[in-house]
Amino acid sequence: MNYLYSMPHKIFKSLILFSLIISCNKALPKENKIEEIVPTTTIKNNITVNSLKAYIDFFGKNPKYGSDGFDFPVGKPDAQGYYNAQPFLKNNHLGDDWNATTGGNSDLGQPIYAISNGIISEVQDYKGGWGNVVRLVHQLPNGELRESLYAHCEEVFVEKNDAIKKGQKIATIGNVNGLYYAHLHLEIRWKIDSDIGKGYSNDTTGYLNPTEFIKQFRKVK
């Protein structure tokens, strides 16, 4: 009797164990599940793999161009003689507009300086309301990347892939052929290499407050 009773019990336990194994295998992701979820062509912060590798390689081989702090892009290093005429988020503005305190076009042709060390990622005349745009990628001490964008430039003195030091003159202030009074539109982005955008939006994803960012990282110890 004990033998006859124990056989079905063992079979029942085996069936239960087998069912659990099947269920667990169905629930567990395959080894390539991560590749299916995260496309191999892109990564976070909207950087393509190739671009990311290029930035990492550049800063890895040229550590002296990693950020050692941030200054203001006009009236260096403290924006002396300038004021922020349209700050970040005012009227859904995605950057800061730096104007000379003397007003009008008095700052036309005045220097624009790189806010920190980095590498030029783009120099492009977008025409329209943008005019000449310079984009500069920075690497923070923790390895994260940030991008500064300088718009409405009159003259540009740098080219794509130029290595840049903080305070280097990269362009001059323009007025987009008289479309505006002369000023610098400055943006700080954490979505590197993203579309140029419109300069105004209620969606601030990928954008940082330029003045607050510069103040926060003014001096890196």
N, C-alpha and C. Protein backbone atom coordinates (compact mmCIF):
# COMPACT_ATOMS: atom_id res chain seq x y z
N MET A 1 0.83 -1.20 0.00
CA MET A 1 0.00 0.00 0.00
C MET A 1 0.87 1.26 0.00
N ASN A 2 1.92 1.27 0.80
CA ASN A 2 2.79 2.44 0.86
C ASN A 2 3.43 2.70 -0.51
N TYR A 3 3.81 1.64 -1.20
CA TYR A 3 4.46 1.79 -2.49
C TYR A 3 3.48 2.34 -3.51
N LEU A 4 2.28 1.75 -3.55
CA LEU A 4 1.27 2.19 -4.50
C LEU A 4 0.86 3.64 -4.26
N TYR A 5 0.85 4.05 -2.98
CA TYR A 5 0.46 5.42 -2.65
C TYR A 5 1.55 6.43 -3.05
N SER A 6 2.81 6.00 -2.82
CA SER A 6 3.91 6.92 -3.04
C SER A 6 4.15 7.20 -4.52
N MET A 7 3.86 6.28 -5.40
CA MET A 7 4.12 6.48 -6.82
C MET A 7 3.32 7.64 -7.42
N PRO A 8 2.01 7.67 -7.25
CA PRO A 8 1.26 8.82 -7.79
C PRO A 8 1.69 10.13 -7.16
N HIS A 9 2.03 10.11 -5.90
CA HIS A 9 2.45 11.33 -5.20
C HIS A 9 3.73 11.89 -5.82
N LYS A 10 4.68 11.00 -6.12
CA LYS A 10 5.94 11.44 -6.74
C LYS A 10 5.69 11.97 -8.15
N ILE A 11 4.80 11.25 -8.87
CA ILE A 11 4.47 11.70 -10.23
C ILE A 11 3.83 13.08 -10.18
N PHE A 12 2.92 13.27 -9.22
CA PHE A 12 2.23 14.55 -9.07
C PHE A 12 3.23 15.67 -8.78
N LYS A 13 4.18 15.42 -7.88
CA LYS A 13 5.20 16.41 -7.55
C LYS A 13 6.06 16.72 -8.77
N SER A 14 6.36 15.68 -9.55
CA SER A 14 7.18 15.89 -10.74
C SER A 14 6.46 16.76 -11.76
N LEU A 15 5.16 16.51 -11.89
CA LEU A 15 4.37 17.31 -12.83
C LEU A 15 4.32 18.77 -12.40
N ILE A 16 4.17 19.00 -11.10
CA ILE A 16 4.14 20.36 -10.57
C ILE A 16 5.47 21.06 -10.84
N LEU A 17 6.59 20.38 -10.58
CA LEU A 17 7.91 20.95 -10.80
C LEU A 17 8.13 21.26 -12.27
N PHE A 18 7.71 20.33 -13.14
CA PHE A 18 7.86 20.53 -14.59
C PHE A 18 7.05 21.74 -15.06
N SER A 19 5.86 21.92 -14.52
CA SER A 19 5.02 23.07 -14.89
C SER A 19 5.66 24.38 -14.46
N LEU A 20 6.25 24.39 -13.27
CA LEU A 20 6.92 25.60 -12.78
C LEU A 20 8.10 25.97 -13.65
N ILE A 21 8.86 24.98 -14.08
CA ILE A 21 10.03 25.23 -14.93
C ILE A 21 9.59 25.85 -16.26
N ILE A 22 8.52 25.28 -16.85
CA ILE A 22 8.00 25.80 -18.12
C ILE A 22 7.53 27.24 -17.96
N SER A 23 6.83 27.52 -16.85
CA SER A 23 6.31 28.88 -16.62
C SER A 23 7.44 29.87 -16.45
N CYS A 24 8.46 29.50 -15.71
CA CYS A 24 9.59 30.40 -15.47
C CYS A 24 10.33 30.70 -16.77
N ASN A 25 10.50 29.67 -17.59
CA ASN A 25 11.20 29.87 -18.86
C ASN A 25 10.45 30.82 -19.77
N LYS A 26 9.12 30.78 -19.71
CA LYS A 26 8.33 31.69 -20.51
C LYS A 26 8.45 33.12 -20.00
N ALA A 27 8.59 33.27 -18.67
CA ALA A 27 8.63 34.61 -18.07
C ALA A 27 9.99 35.28 -18.23
N LEU A 28 11.05 34.45 -18.27
CA LEU A 28 12.39 35.02 -18.36
C LEU A 28 12.67 35.53 -19.76
N PRO A 29 13.32 36.72 -19.88
CA PRO A 29 13.64 37.25 -21.21
C PRO A 29 14.77 36.46 -21.85
N LYS A 30 14.81 36.49 -23.16
CA LYS A 30 15.92 35.86 -23.85
C LYS A 30 17.17 36.70 -23.65
N GLU A 31 18.31 36.11 -23.95
CA GLU A 31 19.57 36.82 -23.75
C GLU A 31 19.65 38.08 -24.60
N ASN A 32 18.99 38.09 -25.76
CA ASN A 32 19.07 39.26 -26.63
C ASN A 32 17.91 40.22 -26.41
N LYS A 33 17.20 40.09 -25.31
CA LYS A 33 16.04 40.95 -25.05
C LYS A 33 16.45 42.41 -24.96
N ILE A 34 17.59 42.69 -24.33
CA ILE A 34 18.05 44.07 -24.20
C ILE A 34 18.29 44.68 -25.58
N GLU A 35 18.86 43.91 -26.48
CA GLU A 35 19.11 44.41 -27.83
C GLU A 35 17.79 44.72 -28.54
N GLU A 36 16.74 43.95 -28.21
CA GLU A 36 15.45 44.19 -28.84
C GLU A 36 14.81 45.47 -28.31
N ILE A 37 15.00 45.74 -27.03
CA ILE A 37 14.38 46.92 -26.40
C ILE A 37 15.17 48.18 -26.74
N VAL A 38 16.48 48.12 -26.64
CA VAL A 38 17.34 49.27 -26.91
C VAL A 38 17.96 49.11 -28.28
N PRO A 39 17.54 49.90 -29.27
CA PRO A 39 18.09 49.76 -30.62
C PRO A 39 19.61 49.91 -30.60
N THR A 40 20.28 49.15 -31.44
CA THR A 40 21.75 49.21 -31.46
C THR A 40 22.25 50.47 -32.13
N THR A 41 21.37 51.21 -32.81
CA THR A 41 21.82 52.40 -33.52
C THR A 41 21.75 53.67 -32.69
N THR A 42 21.05 53.63 -31.57
CA THR A 42 20.92 54.83 -30.75
C THR A 42 21.08 54.50 -29.28
N ILE A 43 21.37 55.53 -28.50
CA ILE A 43 21.45 55.36 -27.05
C ILE A 43 20.76 56.56 -26.41
N LYS A 44 20.75 56.62 -25.08
CA LYS A 44 20.08 57.71 -24.41
C LYS A 44 20.69 59.06 -24.79
N ASN A 45 19.97 60.10 -24.51
CA ASN A 45 20.37 61.48 -24.79
C ASN A 45 20.43 61.78 -26.30
N ASN A 46 19.79 60.89 -27.08
CA ASN A 46 19.63 61.15 -28.50
C ASN A 46 20.96 61.23 -29.25
N ILE A 47 21.97 60.51 -28.75
CA ILE A 47 23.26 60.48 -29.43
C ILE A 47 23.38 59.16 -30.19
N THR A 48 23.77 59.21 -31.46
CA THR A 48 24.00 57.97 -32.19
C THR A 48 25.23 57.28 -31.63
N VAL A 49 25.26 55.98 -31.78
CA VAL A 49 26.39 55.22 -31.25
C VAL A 49 27.70 55.73 -31.84
N ASN A 50 27.71 55.97 -33.14
CA ASN A 50 28.95 56.43 -33.77
C ASN A 50 29.39 57.78 -33.21
N SER A 51 28.43 58.70 -33.03
CA SER A 51 28.77 60.01 -32.48
C SER A 51 29.27 59.87 -31.05
N LEU A 52 28.59 59.07 -30.26
CA LEU A 52 28.99 58.88 -28.87
C LEU A 52 30.40 58.33 -28.79
N LYS A 53 30.68 57.32 -29.61
CA LYS A 53 32.03 56.73 -29.61
C LYS A 53 33.06 57.78 -30.00
N ALA A 54 32.72 58.62 -30.98
CA ALA A 54 33.66 59.65 -31.41
C ALA A 54 33.95 60.64 -30.28
N TYR A 55 32.91 61.05 -29.55
CA TYR A 55 33.10 61.98 -28.43
C TYR A 55 33.93 61.33 -27.33
N ILE A 56 33.57 60.09 -26.99
CA ILE A 56 34.30 59.39 -25.93
C ILE A 56 35.76 59.20 -26.31
N ASP A 57 36.00 58.83 -27.57
CA ASP A 57 37.38 58.65 -28.04
C ASP A 57 38.14 59.96 -27.97
N PHE A 58 37.48 61.05 -28.40
CA PHE A 58 38.15 62.36 -28.41
C PHE A 58 38.55 62.76 -27.00
N PHE A 59 37.60 62.74 -26.07
CA PHE A 59 37.91 63.18 -24.70
C PHE A 59 38.84 62.21 -23.99
N GLY A 60 38.75 60.92 -24.35
CA GLY A 60 39.67 59.95 -23.76
C GLY A 60 41.11 60.19 -24.17
N LYS A 61 41.29 60.56 -25.45
CA LYS A 61 42.63 60.81 -25.98
C LYS A 61 43.12 62.23 -25.69
N ASN A 62 42.17 63.13 -25.39
CA ASN A 62 42.52 64.53 -25.16
C ASN A 62 41.89 65.04 -23.87
N PRO A 63 42.30 64.50 -22.74
CA PRO A 63 41.66 64.85 -21.46
C PRO A 63 41.76 66.33 -21.12
N LYS A 64 42.72 67.04 -21.69
CA LYS A 64 42.86 68.47 -21.38
C LYS A 64 41.69 69.27 -21.94
N TYR A 65 40.91 68.65 -22.83
CA TYR A 65 39.74 69.34 -23.38
C TYR A 65 38.45 68.97 -22.66
N GLY A 66 38.56 68.18 -21.59
CA GLY A 66 37.42 67.97 -20.72
C GLY A 66 37.14 69.25 -19.94
N SER A 67 35.93 69.43 -19.50
CA SER A 67 35.56 70.69 -18.85
C SER A 67 36.30 70.90 -17.53
N ASP A 68 36.81 72.14 -17.36
CA ASP A 68 37.42 72.53 -16.09
C ASP A 68 36.64 73.69 -15.48
N GLY A 69 35.36 73.77 -15.83
CA GLY A 69 34.51 74.84 -15.33
C GLY A 69 33.87 75.60 -16.48
N PHE A 70 32.90 76.44 -16.16
CA PHE A 70 32.15 77.17 -17.18
C PHE A 70 32.13 78.67 -16.87
N ASP A 71 32.28 79.47 -17.92
CA ASP A 71 32.16 80.93 -17.83
C ASP A 71 31.04 81.39 -18.74
N PHE A 72 30.70 82.67 -18.66
CA PHE A 72 29.67 83.21 -19.52
C PHE A 72 30.24 83.48 -20.91
N PRO A 73 29.38 83.47 -21.94
CA PRO A 73 29.87 83.53 -23.32
C PRO A 73 30.17 84.94 -23.83
N VAL A 74 29.80 85.96 -23.07
CA VAL A 74 30.04 87.35 -23.46
C VAL A 74 30.60 88.10 -22.25
N GLY A 75 31.32 89.19 -22.52
CA GLY A 75 31.89 89.96 -21.42
C GLY A 75 32.66 89.08 -20.46
N LYS A 76 33.45 88.17 -21.00
CA LYS A 76 34.06 87.10 -20.19
C LYS A 76 34.90 87.65 -19.04
N PRO A 77 34.91 86.93 -17.94
CA PRO A 77 34.20 85.67 -17.73
C PRO A 77 32.83 85.84 -17.06
N ASP A 78 32.47 87.08 -16.69
CA ASP A 78 31.30 87.30 -15.85
C ASP A 78 30.15 88.03 -16.54
N ALA A 79 30.17 88.07 -17.88
CA ALA A 79 29.14 88.79 -18.65
C ALA A 79 29.11 90.28 -18.32
N GLN A 80 30.28 90.84 -18.06
CA GLN A 80 30.36 92.27 -17.75
C GLN A 80 29.93 93.10 -18.96
N GLY A 81 29.03 94.04 -18.74
CA GLY A 81 28.53 94.89 -19.80
C GLY A 81 27.36 94.30 -20.56
N TYR A 82 26.86 93.14 -20.11
CA TYR A 82 25.74 92.46 -20.76
C TYR A 82 24.65 92.13 -19.74
N TYR A 83 23.45 91.92 -20.25
CA TYR A 83 22.34 91.47 -19.40
C TYR A 83 21.52 90.44 -20.16
N ASN A 84 20.81 89.62 -19.41
CA ASN A 84 20.00 88.55 -19.98
C ASN A 84 18.63 89.12 -20.32
N ALA A 85 18.43 89.51 -21.58
CA ALA A 85 17.22 90.21 -21.98
C ALA A 85 15.99 89.30 -22.05
N GLN A 86 16.20 88.04 -22.35
CA GLN A 86 15.08 87.09 -22.38
C GLN A 86 15.55 85.75 -21.80
N PRO A 87 15.35 85.57 -20.51
CA PRO A 87 15.87 84.37 -19.85
C PRO A 87 15.15 83.10 -20.28
N PHE A 88 15.74 82.01 -19.90
CA PHE A 88 15.20 80.67 -20.12
C PHE A 88 13.77 80.58 -19.60
N LEU A 89 12.87 80.07 -20.42
CA LEU A 89 11.44 79.82 -20.15
C LEU A 89 10.56 81.06 -20.28
N LYS A 90 11.12 82.27 -20.31
CA LYS A 90 10.28 83.44 -20.52
C LYS A 90 9.73 83.37 -21.94
N ASN A 91 8.41 83.44 -22.07
CA ASN A 91 7.74 83.29 -23.38
C ASN A 91 8.08 81.95 -24.04
N ASN A 92 8.30 80.92 -23.19
CA ASN A 92 8.67 79.58 -23.67
C ASN A 92 10.03 79.57 -24.39
N HIS A 93 10.87 80.51 -24.02
CA HIS A 93 12.20 80.61 -24.61
C HIS A 93 13.09 79.48 -24.10
N LEU A 94 13.81 78.82 -25.00
CA LEU A 94 14.62 77.66 -24.62
C LEU A 94 16.08 78.00 -24.36
N GLY A 95 16.39 79.28 -24.34
CA GLY A 95 17.76 79.70 -24.05
C GLY A 95 17.78 81.02 -23.33
N ASP A 96 18.93 81.66 -23.32
CA ASP A 96 19.11 83.02 -22.78
C ASP A 96 19.53 83.93 -23.92
N ASP A 97 18.99 85.14 -23.95
CA ASP A 97 19.40 86.14 -24.95
C ASP A 97 20.27 87.19 -24.27
N TRP A 98 21.56 87.21 -24.67
CA TRP A 98 22.51 88.14 -24.07
C TRP A 98 22.64 89.39 -24.94
N ASN A 99 22.32 90.54 -24.32
CA ASN A 99 22.40 91.84 -24.98
C ASN A 99 23.36 92.76 -24.23
N ALA A 100 23.98 93.65 -24.96
CA ALA A 100 24.83 94.67 -24.31
C ALA A 100 23.94 95.65 -23.56
N THR A 101 24.41 96.10 -22.43
CA THR A 101 23.65 97.08 -21.63
C THR A 101 23.52 98.41 -22.36
N THR A 102 24.34 98.63 -23.38
CA THR A 102 24.28 99.86 -24.16
C THR A 102 23.15 99.85 -25.19
N GLY A 103 22.50 98.70 -25.39
CA GLY A 103 21.30 98.61 -26.20
C GLY A 103 21.51 98.60 -27.70
N GLY A 104 20.37 98.39 -28.41
CA GLY A 104 20.37 98.41 -29.86
C GLY A 104 21.36 97.42 -30.47
N ASN A 105 22.06 97.86 -31.50
CA ASN A 105 23.06 97.04 -32.17
C ASN A 105 24.48 97.35 -31.69
N SER A 106 24.57 97.91 -30.49
CA SER A 106 25.89 98.31 -29.99
C SER A 106 26.85 97.14 -29.78
N ASP A 107 26.30 95.93 -29.65
CA ASP A 107 27.17 94.75 -29.47
C ASP A 107 27.36 93.96 -30.77
N LEU A 108 26.91 94.51 -31.89
CA LEU A 108 27.11 93.84 -33.17
C LEU A 108 28.61 93.68 -33.43
N GLY A 109 29.01 92.44 -33.71
CA GLY A 109 30.41 92.16 -33.99
C GLY A 109 31.28 91.94 -32.77
N GLN A 110 30.67 92.01 -31.57
CA GLN A 110 31.45 91.77 -30.35
C GLN A 110 31.71 90.27 -30.15
N PRO A 111 32.76 89.92 -29.41
CA PRO A 111 33.17 88.51 -29.31
C PRO A 111 32.17 87.62 -28.57
N ILE A 112 32.10 86.38 -29.05
CA ILE A 112 31.41 85.28 -28.37
C ILE A 112 32.49 84.28 -27.98
N TYR A 113 32.48 83.89 -26.71
CA TYR A 113 33.52 83.00 -26.19
C TYR A 113 32.94 81.63 -25.84
N ALA A 114 33.76 80.59 -26.03
CA ALA A 114 33.36 79.25 -25.61
C ALA A 114 33.19 79.24 -24.09
N ILE A 115 32.08 78.70 -23.62
CA ILE A 115 31.82 78.71 -22.18
C ILE A 115 32.66 77.68 -21.44
N SER A 116 33.21 76.70 -22.16
CA SER A 116 34.08 75.71 -21.53
C SER A 116 34.86 74.96 -22.60
N ASN A 117 35.77 74.12 -22.17
CA ASN A 117 36.52 73.28 -23.10
C ASN A 117 35.57 72.33 -23.82
N GLY A 118 35.97 71.88 -25.00
CA GLY A 118 35.15 70.91 -25.70
C GLY A 118 35.56 70.74 -27.15
N ILE A 119 34.62 70.21 -27.94
CA ILE A 119 34.86 69.98 -29.36
C ILE A 119 33.67 70.50 -30.15
N ILE A 120 33.96 71.21 -31.25
CA ILE A 120 32.90 71.76 -32.09
C ILE A 120 32.18 70.60 -32.81
N SER A 121 30.87 70.51 -32.61
CA SER A 121 30.10 69.44 -33.23
C SER A 121 29.38 69.90 -34.48
N GLU A 122 29.17 71.22 -34.61
CA GLU A 122 28.48 71.71 -35.80
C GLU A 122 28.72 73.20 -35.99
N VAL A 123 28.89 73.59 -37.23
CA VAL A 123 28.87 74.99 -37.65
C VAL A 123 27.96 75.04 -38.86
N GLN A 124 26.86 75.78 -38.76
CA GLN A 124 25.85 75.72 -39.81
C GLN A 124 25.08 77.03 -39.90
N ASP A 125 24.85 77.48 -41.13
CA ASP A 125 23.96 78.61 -41.35
C ASP A 125 22.56 78.06 -41.58
N TYR A 126 21.71 78.18 -40.56
CA TYR A 126 20.35 77.66 -40.65
C TYR A 126 19.39 78.67 -41.28
N LYS A 127 19.92 79.86 -41.56
CA LYS A 127 19.11 80.91 -42.17
C LYS A 127 17.87 81.17 -41.31
N GLY A 128 16.81 81.73 -41.90
CA GLY A 128 15.61 82.02 -41.12
C GLY A 128 15.93 82.82 -39.88
N GLY A 129 15.31 82.44 -38.77
CA GLY A 129 15.53 83.14 -37.52
C GLY A 129 16.77 82.72 -36.76
N TRP A 130 17.44 81.66 -37.24
CA TRP A 130 18.62 81.16 -36.54
C TRP A 130 19.90 81.84 -37.00
N GLY A 131 20.07 81.99 -38.28
CA GLY A 131 21.34 82.49 -38.79
C GLY A 131 22.45 81.49 -38.55
N ASN A 132 23.67 81.98 -38.37
CA ASN A 132 24.82 81.11 -38.14
C ASN A 132 24.79 80.54 -36.72
N VAL A 133 24.96 79.23 -36.64
CA VAL A 133 24.90 78.52 -35.36
C VAL A 133 26.19 77.74 -35.15
N VAL A 134 26.71 77.81 -33.95
CA VAL A 134 27.87 77.00 -33.53
C VAL A 134 27.42 76.12 -32.37
N ARG A 135 27.77 74.84 -32.44
CA ARG A 135 27.44 73.91 -31.35
C ARG A 135 28.73 73.29 -30.84
N LEU A 136 28.83 73.19 -29.52
CA LEU A 136 30.06 72.77 -28.85
C LEU A 136 29.71 71.73 -27.79
N VAL A 137 30.35 70.57 -27.86
CA VAL A 137 30.10 69.48 -26.90
C VAL A 137 31.15 69.50 -25.80
N HIS A 138 30.68 69.39 -24.56
CA HIS A 138 31.54 69.41 -23.38
C HIS A 138 31.42 68.08 -22.63
N GLN A 139 32.50 67.67 -22.00
CA GLN A 139 32.45 66.50 -21.12
C GLN A 139 32.68 66.95 -19.69
N LEU A 140 31.71 66.70 -18.82
CA LEU A 140 31.83 67.03 -17.41
C LEU A 140 32.80 66.06 -16.74
N PRO A 141 33.30 66.39 -15.57
CA PRO A 141 34.24 65.49 -14.88
C PRO A 141 33.69 64.09 -14.62
N ASN A 142 32.34 63.97 -14.50
CA ASN A 142 31.75 62.65 -14.27
C ASN A 142 31.55 61.88 -15.58
N GLY A 143 31.98 62.45 -16.70
CA GLY A 143 31.88 61.76 -17.98
C GLY A 143 30.65 62.10 -18.80
N GLU A 144 29.66 62.77 -18.19
CA GLU A 144 28.46 63.13 -18.92
C GLU A 144 28.73 64.23 -19.94
N LEU A 145 27.97 64.22 -21.01
CA LEU A 145 28.14 65.20 -22.08
C LEU A 145 27.05 66.26 -22.02
N ARG A 146 27.44 67.48 -22.34
CA ARG A 146 26.50 68.60 -22.46
C ARG A 146 26.86 69.37 -23.73
N GLU A 147 25.89 70.09 -24.26
CA GLU A 147 26.12 70.85 -25.48
C GLU A 147 25.74 72.30 -25.28
N SER A 148 26.60 73.21 -25.72
CA SER A 148 26.25 74.63 -25.73
C SER A 148 26.04 75.04 -27.19
N LEU A 149 25.00 75.86 -27.40
CA LEU A 149 24.62 76.29 -28.74
C LEU A 149 24.61 77.81 -28.78
N TYR A 150 25.29 78.38 -29.77
CA TYR A 150 25.44 79.82 -29.93
C TYR A 150 24.81 80.21 -31.26
N ALA A 151 23.78 81.04 -31.22
CA ALA A 151 23.03 81.36 -32.43
C ALA A 151 23.07 82.85 -32.77
N HIS A 152 22.69 83.16 -34.00
CA HIS A 152 22.66 84.52 -34.57
C HIS A 152 24.06 85.09 -34.74
N CYS A 153 25.06 84.23 -34.93
CA CYS A 153 26.44 84.71 -35.05
C CYS A 153 26.64 85.48 -36.35
N GLU A 154 27.46 86.51 -36.28
CA GLU A 154 27.83 87.26 -37.49
C GLU A 154 28.99 86.57 -38.19
N GLU A 155 30.14 86.53 -37.55
CA GLU A 155 31.29 85.80 -38.07
C GLU A 155 31.54 84.57 -37.20
N VAL A 156 32.07 83.53 -37.83
CA VAL A 156 32.41 82.30 -37.10
C VAL A 156 33.87 81.98 -37.37
N PHE A 157 34.61 81.67 -36.31
CA PHE A 157 36.06 81.46 -36.42
C PHE A 157 36.47 80.02 -36.18
N VAL A 158 35.52 79.10 -36.11
CA VAL A 158 35.84 77.70 -35.82
C VAL A 158 35.18 76.82 -36.87
N GLU A 159 35.61 75.57 -36.93
CA GLU A 159 35.04 74.58 -37.84
C GLU A 159 34.69 73.32 -37.06
N LYS A 160 33.85 72.50 -37.65
CA LYS A 160 33.48 71.24 -37.03
C LYS A 160 34.72 70.42 -36.69
N ASN A 161 34.70 69.82 -35.50
CA ASN A 161 35.77 68.96 -34.97
C ASN A 161 36.96 69.73 -34.43
N ASP A 162 36.88 71.07 -34.38
CA ASP A 162 37.94 71.83 -33.73
C ASP A 162 37.91 71.59 -32.23
N ALA A 163 39.08 71.40 -31.63
CA ALA A 163 39.20 71.30 -30.18
C ALA A 163 39.27 72.72 -29.61
N ILE A 164 38.49 72.98 -28.58
CA ILE A 164 38.29 74.34 -28.08
C ILE A 164 38.61 74.43 -26.58
N LYS A 165 39.18 75.55 -26.19
CA LYS A 165 39.43 75.82 -24.77
C LYS A 165 38.48 76.90 -24.26
N LYS A 166 38.19 76.83 -23.00
CA LYS A 166 37.30 77.81 -22.36
C LYS A 166 37.82 79.23 -22.58
N GLY A 167 36.91 80.12 -22.97
CA GLY A 167 37.29 81.51 -23.19
C GLY A 167 37.82 81.81 -24.57
N GLN A 168 37.92 80.78 -25.41
CA GLN A 168 38.40 80.99 -26.78
C GLN A 168 37.33 81.71 -27.59
N LYS A 169 37.73 82.68 -28.40
CA LYS A 169 36.80 83.41 -29.25
C LYS A 169 36.38 82.50 -30.40
N ILE A 170 35.09 82.20 -30.48
CA ILE A 170 34.61 81.28 -31.50
C ILE A 170 33.76 81.96 -32.57
N ALA A 171 33.22 83.15 -32.25
CA ALA A 171 32.34 83.85 -33.20
C ALA A 171 32.13 85.28 -32.72
N THR A 172 31.32 86.01 -33.47
CA THR A 172 30.92 87.36 -33.04
C THR A 172 29.39 87.46 -33.05
N ILE A 173 28.89 88.40 -32.27
CA ILE A 173 27.45 88.60 -32.15
C ILE A 173 26.88 89.20 -33.44
N GLY A 174 25.76 88.63 -33.88
CA GLY A 174 25.11 89.10 -35.10
C GLY A 174 23.66 89.49 -34.87
N ASN A 175 23.01 89.91 -35.95
CA ASN A 175 21.59 90.28 -35.87
C ASN A 175 20.79 89.64 -37.00
N VAL A 176 21.34 88.57 -37.59
CA VAL A 176 20.69 87.81 -38.67
C VAL A 176 20.22 88.77 -39.77
N ASN A 177 21.17 89.53 -40.29
CA ASN A 177 20.90 90.47 -41.39
C ASN A 177 19.80 91.47 -41.05
N GLY A 178 19.82 91.94 -39.82
CA GLY A 178 18.88 92.98 -39.41
C GLY A 178 17.53 92.48 -38.94
N LEU A 179 17.38 91.15 -38.84
CA LEU A 179 16.10 90.60 -38.38
C LEU A 179 15.82 90.98 -36.93
N TYR A 180 16.88 91.03 -36.11
CA TYR A 180 16.76 91.42 -34.70
C TYR A 180 17.77 92.52 -34.41
N TYR A 181 17.66 93.10 -33.21
CA TYR A 181 18.80 93.82 -32.67
C TYR A 181 19.85 92.78 -32.32
N ALA A 182 21.10 93.15 -32.44
CA ALA A 182 22.20 92.21 -32.20
C ALA A 182 22.12 91.62 -30.80
N HIS A 183 22.27 90.31 -30.72
CA HIS A 183 22.33 89.62 -29.43
C HIS A 183 22.79 88.18 -29.66
N LEU A 184 23.17 87.53 -28.57
CA LEU A 184 23.54 86.12 -28.61
C LEU A 184 22.43 85.29 -27.99
N HIS A 185 21.96 84.31 -28.73
CA HIS A 185 21.03 83.31 -28.19
C HIS A 185 21.86 82.10 -27.77
N LEU A 186 21.86 81.81 -26.48
CA LEU A 186 22.66 80.70 -25.92
C LEU A 186 21.74 79.62 -25.36
N GLU A 187 21.99 78.39 -25.75
CA GLU A 187 21.27 77.25 -25.18
C GLU A 187 22.26 76.26 -24.57
N ILE A 188 21.78 75.53 -23.56
CA ILE A 188 22.52 74.39 -23.00
C ILE A 188 21.61 73.18 -23.11
N ARG A 189 22.12 72.14 -23.72
CA ARG A 189 21.32 70.94 -23.94
C ARG A 189 21.99 69.70 -23.37
N TRP A 190 21.16 68.77 -22.85
CA TRP A 190 21.70 67.46 -22.50
C TRP A 190 21.37 66.42 -23.57
N LYS A 191 20.49 66.76 -24.51
CA LYS A 191 20.24 65.89 -25.66
C LYS A 191 21.21 66.30 -26.77
N ILE A 192 22.36 65.66 -26.76
CA ILE A 192 23.43 66.05 -27.67
C ILE A 192 23.06 65.69 -29.11
N ASP A 193 23.42 66.57 -30.04
CA ASP A 193 23.21 66.34 -31.46
C ASP A 193 21.74 66.21 -31.85
N SER A 194 20.85 66.80 -31.08
CA SER A 194 19.43 66.76 -31.43
C SER A 194 19.12 67.78 -32.51
N ASP A 195 17.89 67.75 -33.04
CA ASP A 195 17.49 68.69 -34.08
C ASP A 195 17.63 70.12 -33.57
N ILE A 196 17.81 71.04 -34.49
CA ILE A 196 18.01 72.44 -34.11
C ILE A 196 16.82 72.98 -33.33
N GLY A 197 15.62 72.57 -33.67
CA GLY A 197 14.44 73.05 -32.95
C GLY A 197 14.04 74.45 -33.41
N LYS A 198 13.19 75.09 -32.59
CA LYS A 198 12.66 76.40 -32.96
C LYS A 198 13.09 77.52 -32.02
N GLY A 199 13.74 77.16 -30.92
CA GLY A 199 14.17 78.18 -29.97
C GLY A 199 13.12 78.52 -28.94
N TYR A 200 11.87 78.15 -29.22
CA TYR A 200 10.76 78.39 -28.31
C TYR A 200 9.89 77.14 -28.25
N SER A 201 9.50 76.73 -27.07
CA SER A 201 8.61 75.58 -26.92
C SER A 201 8.20 75.45 -25.46
N ASN A 202 7.00 74.90 -25.22
CA ASN A 202 6.62 74.60 -23.84
C ASN A 202 7.13 73.22 -23.42
N ASP A 203 7.74 72.50 -24.35
CA ASP A 203 8.38 71.23 -24.05
C ASP A 203 9.88 71.48 -23.89
N THR A 204 10.36 71.37 -22.66
CA THR A 204 11.76 71.69 -22.38
C THR A 204 12.65 70.45 -22.29
N THR A 205 12.14 69.31 -22.75
CA THR A 205 12.92 68.08 -22.70
C THR A 205 14.24 68.24 -23.45
N GLY A 206 15.33 67.98 -22.78
CA GLY A 206 16.65 68.07 -23.39
C GLY A 206 17.35 69.39 -23.18
N TYR A 207 16.62 70.38 -22.59
CA TYR A 207 17.18 71.71 -22.41
C TYR A 207 17.43 72.01 -20.93
N LEU A 208 18.46 72.81 -20.68
CA LEU A 208 18.79 73.24 -19.33
C LEU A 208 18.80 74.76 -19.26
N ASN A 209 18.59 75.30 -18.08
CA ASN A 209 18.68 76.74 -17.88
C ASN A 209 20.14 77.16 -17.99
N PRO A 210 20.51 77.91 -19.04
CA PRO A 210 21.93 78.21 -19.26
C PRO A 210 22.61 78.94 -18.11
N THR A 211 21.96 79.99 -17.60
CA THR A 211 22.59 80.77 -16.52
C THR A 211 22.76 79.93 -15.27
N GLU A 212 21.73 79.17 -14.91
CA GLU A 212 21.83 78.33 -13.71
C GLU A 212 22.88 77.25 -13.89
N PHE A 213 22.96 76.69 -15.09
CA PHE A 213 23.96 75.66 -15.37
C PHE A 213 25.37 76.23 -15.23
N ILE A 214 25.61 77.38 -15.83
CA ILE A 214 26.94 78.00 -15.75
C ILE A 214 27.31 78.30 -14.30
N LYS A 215 26.37 78.83 -13.54
CA LYS A 215 26.62 79.13 -12.13
C LYS A 215 26.94 77.85 -11.35
N GLN A 216 26.19 76.79 -11.64
CA GLN A 216 26.39 75.53 -10.92
C GLN A 216 27.76 74.94 -11.17
N PHE A 217 28.24 75.05 -12.41
CA PHE A 217 29.51 74.43 -12.78
C PHE A 217 30.59 75.48 -13.05
N ARG A 218 30.46 76.64 -12.40
CA ARG A 218 31.39 77.73 -12.65
C ARG A 218 32.83 77.32 -12.43
N LYS A 219 33.09 76.67 -11.34
CA LYS A 219 34.43 76.21 -11.04
C LYS A 219 34.35 74.73 -10.64
N VAL A 220 35.06 73.92 -11.36
CA VAL A 220 35.08 72.49 -11.06
C VAL A 220 36.35 72.18 -10.28
N LYS A 221 36.18 71.66 -9.07
CA LYS A 221 37.34 71.35 -8.24
C LYS A 221 37.97 70.04 -8.64
